[in-house]
């Protein structure tokens, strides 16, 4: 399983654009293709930006976004394959979505969706953007939580997601817990991240690691669990061995210490 993508989300009682911008940047590995941010501005509109970071750094490419927009809720992503985040209009409301994972049965799911009368607009090199497929599966639910459960049951592989909506940032770890999703807290703000190395420089402390398939929401009051985790976990072994930043913790174990041992 190739692991270079990472997500970051934050909700604050005050403006959080700085945390969003730097928190996403701190997760930038070599070899990633896209970086993106989405924030809910003071007028309730989702502002989004996506840039290639193959030749220029995330910080340089997204500096204009940081300078222009302000808000108290946002999500960001470092993506190894597809442009993200996407802004989706659906019966659940308008929201932005970021996704980390690998969907092995994407061709079959796309064909099933087309037969059901749905269409896709985000094409990259003639292929469906996996993040749009993930959103299409979520939109089948009557609620975001139900839709994420449908998505988790439908895909073969893994998908951890963060959704920016009017109520906050909804987060879900993939159903087998192959990649980490970590909640961090500081005074006045709560964040969610793939790589906990982003937390110390921003003043966050690790609050909890989501369990396999766990769904929750961060808002101005903190973290609220929406679905309990599954008992089964199949954590990717290479997170400690190779993929993760040495300063990160994975399931409470520091990556650098694990490699040293």
C-alpha atoms as a PDB file:
ATOM      1  CA  UNK A   1       0.000   0.000   0.000  1.00  0.00           C
ATOM      2  CA  UNK A   2       1.534   3.293  -1.092  1.00  0.00           C
ATOM      3  CA  UNK A   3       1.327   5.884   1.662  1.00  0.00           C
ATOM      4  CA  UNK A   4       2.135   9.469   0.807  1.00  0.00           C
ATOM      5  CA  UNK A   5      -1.227  11.222   0.979  1.00  0.00           C
ATOM      6  CA  UNK A   6      -2.292  12.924   4.206  1.00  0.00           C
ATOM      7  CA  UNK A   7      -5.246  14.932   5.485  1.00  0.00           C
ATOM      8  CA  UNK A   8      -5.597  17.783   7.945  1.00  0.00           C
ATOM      9  CA  UNK A   9      -8.721  19.404   9.330  1.00  0.00           C
ATOM     10  CA  UNK A  10      -9.285  22.027  11.997  1.00  0.00           C
ATOM     11  CA  UNK A  11     -12.150  23.826  13.710  1.00  0.00           C
ATOM     12  CA  UNK A  12     -11.501  26.765  16.004  1.00  0.00           C
ATOM     13  CA  UNK A  13     -13.472  29.190  18.100  1.00  0.00           C
ATOM     14  CA  UNK A  14     -11.383  31.857  16.392  1.00  0.00           C
ATOM     15  CA  UNK A  15      -9.940  32.146  12.872  1.00  0.00           C
ATOM     16  CA  UNK A  16      -7.964  28.975  11.992  1.00  0.00           C
ATOM     17  CA  UNK A  17      -6.466  29.607   8.543  1.00  0.00           C
ATOM     18  CA  UNK A  18      -2.882  29.669   9.846  1.00  0.00           C
ATOM     19  CA  UNK A  19      -3.281  26.269  11.526  1.00  0.00           C
ATOM     20  CA  UNK A  20      -4.881  24.860   8.369  1.00  0.00           C
ATOM     21  CA  UNK A  21      -2.155  26.171   6.068  1.00  0.00           C
ATOM     22  CA  UNK A  22       0.846  25.116   8.130  1.00  0.00           C
ATOM     23  CA  UNK A  23      -0.737  21.920   9.466  1.00  0.00           C
ATOM     24  CA  UNK A  24      -1.265  20.642   5.933  1.00  0.00           C
ATOM     25  CA  UNK A  25       2.200  21.772   4.831  1.00  0.00           C
ATOM     26  CA  UNK A  26       3.909  19.902   7.696  1.00  0.00           C
ATOM     27  CA  UNK A  27       2.698  16.642   6.143  1.00  0.00           C
ATOM     28  CA  UNK A  28       4.216  17.229   2.696  1.00  0.00           C
ATOM     29  CA  UNK A  29       6.401  14.280   1.603  1.00  0.00           C
ATOM     30  CA  UNK A  30       8.620  14.117  -1.449  1.00  0.00           C
ATOM     31  CA  UNK A  31       6.817  12.767  -4.491  1.00  0.00           C
ATOM     32  CA  UNK A  32       3.302  14.039  -3.793  1.00  0.00           C
ATOM     33  CA  UNK A  33       1.506  15.559  -6.783  1.00  0.00           C
ATOM     34  CA  UNK A  34      -1.189  17.857  -5.388  1.00  0.00           C
ATOM     35  CA  UNK A  35      -1.865  20.049  -2.405  1.00  0.00           C
ATOM     36  CA  UNK A  36      -5.213  21.582  -1.602  1.00  0.00           C
ATOM     37  CA  UNK A  37      -7.169  23.560   0.976  1.00  0.00           C
ATOM     38  CA  UNK A  38     -10.844  24.292   1.580  1.00  0.00           C
ATOM     39  CA  UNK A  39     -12.214  26.663   4.192  1.00  0.00           C
ATOM     40  CA  UNK A  40     -15.670  27.829   5.229  1.00  0.00           C
ATOM     41  CA  UNK A  41     -15.487  31.616   5.107  1.00  0.00           C
ATOM     42  CA  UNK A  42     -17.392  34.140   7.191  1.00  0.00           C
ATOM     43  CA  UNK A  43     -20.267  34.160   4.701  1.00  0.00           C
ATOM     44  CA  UNK A  44     -20.756  30.391   4.892  1.00  0.00           C
ATOM     45  CA  UNK A  45     -19.202  29.700   1.489  1.00  0.00           C
ATOM     46  CA  UNK A  46     -16.602  27.020   0.831  1.00  0.00           C
ATOM     47  CA  UNK A  47     -13.399  28.503  -0.593  1.00  0.00           C
ATOM     48  CA  UNK A  48     -11.153  25.972  -2.304  1.00  0.00           C
ATOM     49  CA  UNK A  49      -7.739  25.868  -3.950  1.00  0.00           C
ATOM     50  CA  UNK A  50      -5.761  23.001  -5.533  1.00  0.00           C
ATOM     51  CA  UNK A  51      -2.226  23.250  -6.912  1.00  0.00           C
ATOM     52  CA  UNK A  52       0.442  20.938  -8.278  1.00  0.00           C
ATOM     53  CA  UNK A  53       3.318  20.566  -5.811  1.00  0.00           C
ATOM     54  CA  UNK A  54       5.546  18.383  -7.987  1.00  0.00           C
ATOM     55  CA  UNK A  55       7.934  21.241  -8.823  1.00  0.00           C
ATOM     56  CA  UNK A  56       7.126  23.865  -6.183  1.00  0.00           C
ATOM     57  CA  UNK A  57       6.422  23.409  -2.484  1.00  0.00           C
ATOM     58  CA  UNK A  58       2.962  23.358  -0.947  1.00  0.00           C
ATOM     59  CA  UNK A  59       3.765  26.476   1.059  1.00  0.00           C
ATOM     60  CA  UNK A  60       4.746  28.446  -2.033  1.00  0.00           C
ATOM     61  CA  UNK A  61       1.829  27.258  -4.152  1.00  0.00           C
ATOM     62  CA  UNK A  62      -0.881  27.859  -1.530  1.00  0.00           C
ATOM     63  CA  UNK A  63       0.463  31.129  -0.088  1.00  0.00           C
ATOM     64  CA  UNK A  64      -2.096  33.138  -2.068  1.00  0.00           C
ATOM     65  CA  UNK A  65      -4.967  31.157  -0.511  1.00  0.00           C
ATOM     66  CA  UNK A  66      -3.578  31.793   2.973  1.00  0.00           C
ATOM     67  CA  UNK A  67      -3.360  35.472   2.224  1.00  0.00           C
ATOM     68  CA  UNK A  68      -6.885  35.852   0.825  1.00  0.00           C
ATOM     69  CA  UNK A  69      -9.285  33.746   2.891  1.00  0.00           C
ATOM     70  CA  UNK A  70     -10.191  33.476   6.564  1.00  0.00           C
ATOM     71  CA  UNK A  71     -12.468  31.111   8.446  1.00  0.00           C
ATOM     72  CA  UNK A  72     -12.931  28.963  11.539  1.00  0.00           C
ATOM     73  CA  UNK A  73     -13.319  25.583   9.797  1.00  0.00           C
ATOM     74  CA  UNK A  74     -11.189  24.018   7.104  1.00  0.00           C
ATOM     75  CA  UNK A  75      -9.633  20.888   5.616  1.00  0.00           C
ATOM     76  CA  UNK A  76      -6.428  20.316   3.675  1.00  0.00           C
ATOM     77  CA  UNK A  77      -4.771  17.462   1.826  1.00  0.00           C
ATOM     78  CA  UNK A  78      -1.468  16.316   0.408  1.00  0.00           C
ATOM     79  CA  UNK A  79      -2.411  13.983  -2.440  1.00  0.00           C
ATOM     80  CA  UNK A  80      -0.162  11.537  -4.268  1.00  0.00           C
ATOM     81  CA  UNK A  81      -2.522  10.952  -7.209  1.00  0.00           C
ATOM     82  CA  UNK A  82      -5.664  13.041  -7.668  1.00  0.00           C
ATOM     83  CA  UNK A  83      -6.558  16.743  -7.297  1.00  0.00           C
ATOM     84  CA  UNK A  84      -8.293  17.445  -3.978  1.00  0.00           C
ATOM     85  CA  UNK A  85     -10.301  18.723  -2.106  1.00  0.00           C
ATOM     86  CA  UNK A  86     -13.498  18.558  -4.134  1.00  0.00           C
ATOM     87  CA  UNK A  87     -16.570  20.694  -3.436  1.00  0.00           C
ATOM     88  CA  UNK A  88     -19.768  18.652  -3.717  1.00  0.00           C
ATOM     89  CA  UNK A  89     -23.397  19.740  -3.987  1.00  0.00           C
ATOM     90  CA  UNK A  90     -25.821  17.053  -2.814  1.00  0.00           C
ATOM     91  CA  UNK A  91     -29.060  16.388  -0.933  1.00  0.00           C
ATOM     92  CA  UNK A  92     -26.919  16.283   2.217  1.00  0.00           C
ATOM     93  CA  UNK A  93     -25.908  19.895   1.580  1.00  0.00           C
ATOM     94  CA  UNK A  94     -22.828  21.475   0.055  1.00  0.00           C
ATOM     95  CA  UNK A  95     -19.534  20.177   1.440  1.00  0.00           C
ATOM     96  CA  UNK A  96     -15.846  19.752   0.648  1.00  0.00           C
ATOM     97  CA  UNK A  97     -14.166  16.363   0.854  1.00  0.00           C
ATOM     98  CA  UNK A  98     -10.631  14.954   1.069  1.00  0.00           C
ATOM     99  CA  UNK A  99      -9.724  11.277   0.906  1.00  0.00           C
ATOM    100  CA  UNK A 100      -6.681   9.129   1.679  1.00  0.00           C
ATOM    101  CA  UNK A 101      -6.498   5.489   0.665  1.00  0.00           C
ATOM    102  CA  UNK A 102      -6.605   3.032  -2.214  1.00  0.00           C
ATOM    103  CA  UNK A 103      -9.835   1.765  -3.816  1.00  0.00           C
ATOM    104  CA  UNK A 104      -9.149  -1.555  -5.544  1.00  0.00           C
ATOM    105  CA  UNK A 105     -12.605  -2.068  -7.074  1.00  0.00           C
ATOM    106  CA  UNK A 106     -12.991   1.428  -8.492  1.00  0.00           C
ATOM    107  CA  UNK A 107     -13.783   0.269 -12.061  1.00  0.00           C
ATOM    108  CA  UNK A 108     -16.722  -1.874 -10.940  1.00  0.00           C
ATOM    109  CA  UNK A 109     -18.078   0.842  -8.637  1.00  0.00           C
ATOM    110  CA  UNK A 110     -17.891   3.415 -11.435  1.00  0.00           C
ATOM    111  CA  UNK A 111     -19.744   1.125 -13.842  1.00  0.00           C
ATOM    112  CA  UNK A 112     -22.428   0.411 -11.227  1.00  0.00           C
ATOM    113  CA  UNK A 113     -22.847   4.146 -10.660  1.00  0.00           C
ATOM    114  CA  UNK A 114     -23.183   4.871 -14.378  1.00  0.00           C
ATOM    115  CA  UNK A 115     -25.775   2.127 -14.772  1.00  0.00           C
ATOM    116  CA  UNK A 116     -27.703   3.757 -11.938  1.00  0.00           C
ATOM    117  CA  UNK A 117     -27.849   7.037 -13.861  1.00  0.00           C
ATOM    118  CA  UNK A 118     -25.084   8.885 -12.021  1.00  0.00           C
ATOM    119  CA  UNK A 119     -22.290  10.726 -13.786  1.00  0.00           C
ATOM    120  CA  UNK A 120     -18.792  11.939 -12.945  1.00  0.00           C
ATOM    121  CA  UNK A 121     -17.236  15.276 -13.858  1.00  0.00           C
ATOM    122  CA  UNK A 122     -13.752  15.166 -12.291  1.00  0.00           C
ATOM    123  CA  UNK A 123     -11.487  13.396 -14.805  1.00  0.00           C
ATOM    124  CA  UNK A 124      -7.696  13.099 -14.454  1.00  0.00           C
ATOM    125  CA  UNK A 125      -5.855  11.634 -17.457  1.00  0.00           C
ATOM    126  CA  UNK A 126      -9.115  10.140 -18.652  1.00  0.00           C
ATOM    127  CA  UNK A 127      -9.790   8.403 -15.322  1.00  0.00           C
ATOM    128  CA  UNK A 128     -12.375   9.001 -12.631  1.00  0.00           C
ATOM    129  CA  UNK A 129     -11.076  10.955  -9.657  1.00  0.00           C
ATOM    130  CA  UNK A 130     -11.356   8.460  -6.735  1.00  0.00           C
ATOM    131  CA  UNK A 131     -12.368  11.262  -4.374  1.00  0.00           C
ATOM    132  CA  UNK A 132     -15.440  11.983  -6.509  1.00  0.00           C
ATOM    133  CA  UNK A 133     -16.361   8.300  -6.408  1.00  0.00           C
ATOM    134  CA  UNK A 134     -16.031   8.307  -2.612  1.00  0.00           C
ATOM    135  CA  UNK A 135     -18.348  11.344  -2.479  1.00  0.00           C
ATOM    136  CA  UNK A 136     -20.869   9.661  -4.811  1.00  0.00           C
ATOM    137  CA  UNK A 137     -21.026   6.651  -2.479  1.00  0.00           C
ATOM    138  CA  UNK A 138     -21.446   8.856   0.594  1.00  0.00           C
ATOM    139  CA  UNK A 139     -24.271  10.751  -1.121  1.00  0.00           C
ATOM    140  CA  UNK A 140     -26.333   7.553  -1.179  1.00  0.00           C
ATOM    141  CA  UNK A 141     -26.936   7.899   2.544  1.00  0.00           C
ATOM    142  CA  UNK A 142     -29.704   9.831   4.283  1.00  0.00           C
ATOM    143  CA  UNK A 143     -27.060  11.369   6.541  1.00  0.00           C
ATOM    144  CA  UNK A 144     -23.304  11.843   6.255  1.00  0.00           C
ATOM    145  CA  UNK A 145     -22.738   9.094   8.817  1.00  0.00           C
ATOM    146  CA  UNK A 146     -24.965   6.624   6.970  1.00  0.00           C
ATOM    147  CA  UNK A 147     -23.330   7.573   3.676  1.00  0.00           C
ATOM    148  CA  UNK A 148     -19.835   6.947   5.049  1.00  0.00           C
ATOM    149  CA  UNK A 149     -20.995   3.540   6.288  1.00  0.00           C
ATOM    150  CA  UNK A 150     -22.280   2.745   2.783  1.00  0.00           C
ATOM    151  CA  UNK A 151     -18.953   3.847   1.308  1.00  0.00           C
ATOM    152  CA  UNK A 152     -16.955   1.730   3.749  1.00  0.00           C
ATOM    153  CA  UNK A 153     -19.017  -1.357   2.944  1.00  0.00           C
ATOM    154  CA  UNK A 154     -18.848  -0.784  -0.820  1.00  0.00           C
ATOM    155  CA  UNK A 155     -15.129  -0.367  -1.419  1.00  0.00           C
ATOM    156  CA  UNK A 156     -12.360  -2.934  -1.474  1.00  0.00           C
ATOM    157  CA  UNK A 157      -9.248  -1.362  -0.027  1.00  0.00           C
ATOM    158  CA  UNK A 158      -9.299   1.625   2.285  1.00  0.00           C
ATOM    159  CA  UNK A 159     -10.533   5.197   2.514  1.00  0.00           C
ATOM    160  CA  UNK A 160     -10.137   7.674   5.356  1.00  0.00           C
ATOM    161  CA  UNK A 161     -12.034  10.912   4.761  1.00  0.00           C
ATOM    162  CA  UNK A 162     -12.616  14.402   6.109  1.00  0.00           C
ATOM    163  CA  UNK A 163     -15.716  16.372   5.100  1.00  0.00           C
ATOM    164  CA  UNK A 164     -16.096  20.100   5.646  1.00  0.00           C
ATOM    165  CA  UNK A 165     -19.774  20.920   6.164  1.00  0.00           C
ATOM    166  CA  UNK A 166     -21.915  23.503   7.951  1.00  0.00           C
ATOM    167  CA  UNK A 167     -21.856  21.600  11.246  1.00  0.00           C
ATOM    168  CA  UNK A 168     -18.090  21.090  11.420  1.00  0.00           C
ATOM    169  CA  UNK A 169     -15.564  18.633  10.021  1.00  0.00           C
ATOM    170  CA  UNK A 170     -16.747  15.020   9.806  1.00  0.00           C
ATOM    171  CA  UNK A 171     -13.916  12.480   9.915  1.00  0.00           C
ATOM    172  CA  UNK A 172     -13.781   8.743   9.378  1.00  0.00           C
ATOM    173  CA  UNK A 173     -10.950   6.232   9.550  1.00  0.00           C
ATOM    174  CA  UNK A 174     -10.886   3.409   7.016  1.00  0.00           C
ATOM    175  CA  UNK A 175     -12.747   0.298   8.126  1.00  0.00           C
ATOM    176  CA  UNK A 176      -9.607  -1.778   8.818  1.00  0.00           C
ATOM    177  CA  UNK A 177      -7.562   1.033  10.359  1.00  0.00           C
ATOM    178  CA  UNK A 178      -4.786   0.669   7.800  1.00  0.00           C
ATOM    179  CA  UNK A 179      -3.821   4.345   8.061  1.00  0.00           C
ATOM    180  CA  UNK A 180      -4.038   6.509  11.201  1.00  0.00           C
ATOM    181  CA  UNK A 181      -6.465   9.326  11.917  1.00  0.00           C
ATOM    182  CA  UNK A 182      -5.502  11.372  14.977  1.00  0.00           C
ATOM    183  CA  UNK A 183      -7.425  13.991  16.949  1.00  0.00           C
ATOM    184  CA  UNK A 184      -5.475  16.833  18.548  1.00  0.00           C
ATOM    185  CA  UNK A 185      -6.586  19.610  20.882  1.00  0.00           C
ATOM    186  CA  UNK A 186      -5.373  22.964  22.121  1.00  0.00           C
ATOM    187  CA  UNK A 187      -7.133  25.875  23.765  1.00  0.00           C
ATOM    188  CA  UNK A 188      -9.868  27.046  21.421  1.00  0.00           C
ATOM    189  CA  UNK A 189      -9.317  24.534  18.594  1.00  0.00           C
ATOM    190  CA  UNK A 190      -9.553  20.858  17.640  1.00  0.00           C
ATOM    191  CA  UNK A 191      -7.766  19.263  14.690  1.00  0.00           C
ATOM    192  CA  UNK A 192      -7.669  15.956  12.836  1.00  0.00           C
ATOM    193  CA  UNK A 193      -4.596  14.719  11.023  1.00  0.00           C
ATOM    194  CA  UNK A 194      -3.006  11.708   9.325  1.00  0.00           C
ATOM    195  CA  UNK A 195       0.503  12.491  10.603  1.00  0.00           C
ATOM    196  CA  UNK A 196       0.711  13.651  14.220  1.00  0.00           C
ATOM    197  CA  UNK A 197       4.069  15.339  13.488  1.00  0.00           C
ATOM    198  CA  UNK A 198       1.979  18.347  12.409  1.00  0.00           C
ATOM    199  CA  UNK A 199       0.753  18.959  15.960  1.00  0.00           C
ATOM    200  CA  UNK A 200       3.703  20.153  18.113  1.00  0.00           C
ATOM    201  CA  UNK A 201       4.628  23.213  16.040  1.00  0.00           C
ATOM    202  CA  UNK A 202       0.990  24.345  16.109  1.00  0.00           C
ATOM    203  CA  UNK A 203       0.536  23.810  19.852  1.00  0.00           C
ATOM    204  CA  UNK A 204      -1.788  20.798  19.592  1.00  0.00           C
ATOM    205  CA  UNK A 205      -1.532  17.724  21.812  1.00  0.00           C
ATOM    206  CA  UNK A 206      -2.734  14.264  20.799  1.00  0.00           C
ATOM    207  CA  UNK A 207      -6.180  13.599  22.243  1.00  0.00           C
ATOM    208  CA  UNK A 208      -7.067  10.228  20.667  1.00  0.00           C
ATOM    209  CA  UNK A 209      -6.475   7.864  17.770  1.00  0.00           C
ATOM    210  CA  UNK A 210      -9.659   6.941  15.930  1.00  0.00           C
ATOM    211  CA  UNK A 211     -10.350   3.212  15.801  1.00  0.00           C
ATOM    212  CA  UNK A 212     -11.019   1.132  12.697  1.00  0.00           C
ATOM    213  CA  UNK A 213     -14.035   2.504  10.845  1.00  0.00           C
ATOM    214  CA  UNK A 214     -14.771   5.065  13.550  1.00  0.00           C
ATOM    215  CA  UNK A 215     -16.765   8.124  12.455  1.00  0.00           C
ATOM    216  CA  UNK A 216     -16.859  11.395  14.333  1.00  0.00           C
ATOM    217  CA  UNK A 217     -17.080  15.158  14.065  1.00  0.00           C
ATOM    218  CA  UNK A 218     -14.923  17.997  15.281  1.00  0.00           C
ATOM    219  CA  UNK A 219     -16.557  21.343  15.988  1.00  0.00           C
ATOM    220  CA  UNK A 220     -16.046  24.313  18.297  1.00  0.00           C
ATOM    221  CA  UNK A 221     -16.766  22.110  21.318  1.00  0.00           C
ATOM    222  CA  UNK A 222     -14.233  19.378  20.460  1.00  0.00           C
ATOM    223  CA  UNK A 223     -14.642  15.822  19.150  1.00  0.00           C
ATOM    224  CA  UNK A 224     -17.934  13.924  19.099  1.00  0.00           C
ATOM    225  CA  UNK A 225     -18.085  10.244  18.178  1.00  0.00           C
ATOM    226  CA  UNK A 226     -20.817   9.381  15.666  1.00  0.00           C
ATOM    227  CA  UNK A 227     -20.059   5.664  15.248  1.00  0.00           C
ATOM    228  CA  UNK A 228     -18.005   3.402  17.456  1.00  0.00           C
ATOM    229  CA  UNK A 229     -14.942   1.662  15.970  1.00  0.00           C
ATOM    230  CA  UNK A 230     -14.830  -1.922  14.768  1.00  0.00           C
ATOM    231  CA  UNK A 231     -12.870  -4.472  16.796  1.00  0.00           C
ATOM    232  CA  UNK A 232     -10.768  -5.655  13.853  1.00  0.00           C
ATOM    233  CA  UNK A 233      -7.662  -3.656  12.913  1.00  0.00           C
ATOM    234  CA  UNK A 234      -5.170  -4.303  10.116  1.00  0.00           C
ATOM    235  CA  UNK A 235      -2.697  -1.458  10.542  1.00  0.00           C
ATOM    236  CA  UNK A 236      -0.243  -1.059   7.655  1.00  0.00           C
ATOM    237  CA  UNK A 237       3.095  -2.392   8.943  1.00  0.00           C
ATOM    238  CA  UNK A 238       5.086  -0.054   6.726  1.00  0.00           C
ATOM    239  CA  UNK A 239       3.810   3.016   8.606  1.00  0.00           C
ATOM    240  CA  UNK A 240       6.335   2.393  11.383  1.00  0.00           C
ATOM    241  CA  UNK A 241       8.953   0.915   9.064  1.00  0.00           C
ATOM    242  CA  UNK A 242       8.992   3.370   6.166  1.00  0.00           C
ATOM    243  CA  UNK A 243       6.031   5.585   5.265  1.00  0.00           C
ATOM    244  CA  UNK A 244       5.440   7.780   8.323  1.00  0.00           C
ATOM    245  CA  UNK A 245       7.355  10.857   9.399  1.00  0.00           C
ATOM    246  CA  UNK A 246       9.853   9.896  12.173  1.00  0.00           C
ATOM    247  CA  UNK A 247       8.312  12.527  14.484  1.00  0.00           C
ATOM    248  CA  UNK A 248       4.812  11.018  14.219  1.00  0.00           C
ATOM    249  CA  UNK A 249       3.076   8.621  16.557  1.00  0.00           C
ATOM    250  CA  UNK A 250       1.115   5.699  15.156  1.00  0.00           C
ATOM    251  CA  UNK A 251      -1.261   4.060  17.633  1.00  0.00           C
ATOM    252  CA  UNK A 252       0.684   5.671  20.451  1.00  0.00           C
ATOM    253  CA  UNK A 253       4.089   4.386  19.319  1.00  0.00           C
ATOM    254  CA  UNK A 254       6.670   6.925  18.151  1.00  0.00           C
ATOM    255  CA  UNK A 255       7.858   6.085  14.653  1.00  0.00           C
ATOM    256  CA  UNK A 256      11.547   6.987  15.228  1.00  0.00           C
ATOM    257  CA  UNK A 257      11.713   4.857  18.394  1.00  0.00           C
ATOM    258  CA  UNK A 258      10.060   1.953  16.585  1.00  0.00           C
ATOM    259  CA  UNK A 259      12.643   2.162  13.793  1.00  0.00           C
ATOM    260  CA  UNK A 260      15.511   2.416  16.259  1.00  0.00           C
ATOM    261  CA  UNK A 261      14.274  -0.636  18.156  1.00  0.00           C
END
